[in-house]
Structure formats: C-alpha cells, structure tokens
Protein backbone atom coordinates (compact mmCIF):
# COMPACT_ATOMS: atom_id res chain seq x y z
CA UNK A 1 28.76 23.43 17.86
CA UNK A 2 29.48 21.49 21.02
CA UNK A 3 26.45 23.04 22.71
CA UNK A 4 24.20 21.65 19.99
CA UNK A 5 25.89 18.28 20.28
CA UNK A 6 25.34 18.27 24.04
CA UNK A 7 21.69 19.26 23.56
CA UNK A 8 21.18 16.48 21.03
CA UNK A 9 22.81 13.93 23.34
CA UNK A 10 20.57 15.03 26.20
CA UNK A 11 17.48 14.73 23.99
CA UNK A 12 18.61 11.28 22.81
CA UNK A 13 19.16 10.11 26.39
CA UNK A 14 15.80 11.49 27.43
CA UNK A 15 14.04 9.64 24.61
CA UNK A 16 15.79 6.39 25.51
CA UNK A 17 14.77 6.79 29.15
CA UNK A 18 11.14 7.35 28.12
CA UNK A 19 11.16 4.18 26.00
CA UNK A 20 12.58 2.17 28.88
CA UNK A 21 9.97 3.61 31.22
CA UNK A 22 7.13 2.69 28.87
CA UNK A 23 8.42 -0.87 28.52
CA UNK A 24 8.90 -1.19 32.27
CA UNK A 25 5.36 0.00 32.92
CA UNK A 26 4.00 -2.45 30.34
CA UNK A 27 5.88 -5.36 31.87
CA UNK A 28 4.85 -4.34 35.39
CA UNK A 29 1.21 -4.42 34.37
CA UNK A 30 1.41 -7.78 32.61
CA UNK A 31 0.00 -9.72 35.59
CA UNK A 32 -3.24 -7.69 35.71
CA UNK A 33 -3.53 -8.13 31.94
CA UNK A 34 -3.21 -11.90 32.30
CA UNK A 35 -5.79 -11.87 35.11
CA UNK A 36 -8.21 -9.95 32.87
CA UNK A 37 -7.71 -12.28 29.91
CA UNK A 38 -7.83 -15.55 31.86
CA UNK A 39 -11.64 -15.80 32.22
CA UNK A 40 -12.14 -15.21 28.50
CA UNK A 41 -9.56 -17.81 27.54
CA UNK A 42 -10.93 -20.27 30.10
CA UNK A 43 -14.47 -19.75 28.78
CA UNK A 44 -13.37 -20.29 25.18
CA UNK A 45 -11.47 -23.45 26.01
CA UNK A 46 -14.32 -24.80 28.14
CA UNK A 47 -16.87 -23.98 25.44
CA UNK A 48 -14.85 -25.81 22.81
CA UNK A 49 -14.11 -28.75 25.14
CA UNK A 50 -17.74 -29.27 26.21
CA UNK A 51 -19.19 -28.65 22.74
CA UNK A 52 -16.92 -30.86 20.68
CA UNK A 53 -19.19 -30.61 17.65
CA UNK A 54 -18.90 -26.79 17.62
CA UNK A 55 -16.20 -24.80 15.83
CA UNK A 56 -14.43 -21.57 16.68
CA UNK A 57 -16.81 -19.77 14.32
CA UNK A 58 -19.75 -20.99 16.43
CA UNK A 59 -18.00 -19.63 19.53
CA UNK A 60 -17.47 -16.24 17.88
CA UNK A 61 -21.11 -16.10 16.77
CA UNK A 62 -22.27 -17.08 20.27
CA UNK A 63 -20.20 -14.31 21.86
CA UNK A 64 -21.26 -11.75 19.23
CA UNK A 65 -24.96 -12.47 19.69
CA UNK A 66 -24.58 -12.23 23.46
CA UNK A 67 -22.71 -8.93 23.08
CA UNK A 68 -25.40 -7.57 20.78
CA UNK A 69 -28.12 -8.53 23.25
CA UNK A 70 -26.29 -6.81 26.10
CA UNK A 71 -25.60 -3.72 23.98
CA UNK A 72 -29.25 -3.62 22.90
CA UNK A 73 -30.35 -3.74 26.53
CA UNK A 74 -27.97 -0.94 27.45
CA UNK A 75 -29.14 1.27 24.57
CA UNK A 76 -32.79 0.53 25.32
CA UNK A 77 -32.26 1.45 28.96
CA UNK A 78 -30.45 4.64 27.94
CA UNK A 79 -33.20 5.74 25.53
CA UNK A 80 -35.98 4.93 27.98
CA UNK A 81 -34.30 6.76 30.85
CA UNK A 82 -33.44 9.78 28.69
CA UNK A 83 -37.11 10.32 27.83
CA UNK A 84 -38.03 11.06 31.45
C-alpha cells in the first residue's frame, strides 16, 4: 500500500515539475513574442492614426486582401514551378 502511495506521490511531483517547466519556458520566451507582435501592433495603430476616417473593419479587410494577394502569388509560383 505504501509503495503505491510513494509511486503516486512521485508521479504527482513529476507532473507539477513539468507544469512549472512549461510555464517557465513560456515566460522566458515572452520577450521574443513581444518583439514578433510589435510590428503588427505598430502597423495597426499607425494605420488607424493616419487614416482617421477608417475603421478597424477597414484595417482587417486591407490586411486580408494583402494576405490573399501574397498567398495567390505563392500558389501561382508553386504551380508554375511544379509543371517544369
């Protein structure tokens, strides 16, 4: 009985250590995440500041159309290069 209790305690401690490790890794990588998000946030704020007559919906449409154009170019390049 005590052996099972010891095994369960070890498993519980191991799971707690893994959770702490995951959180530590996430918090350690928060600076690179902020660096990656900063240009997008800066662009959105600048877009809305310069274009005062535009709304957030206009910004989302602008970004979506740009993303579709880029994706279309990538797919077109892929299909044209695959045919060779």
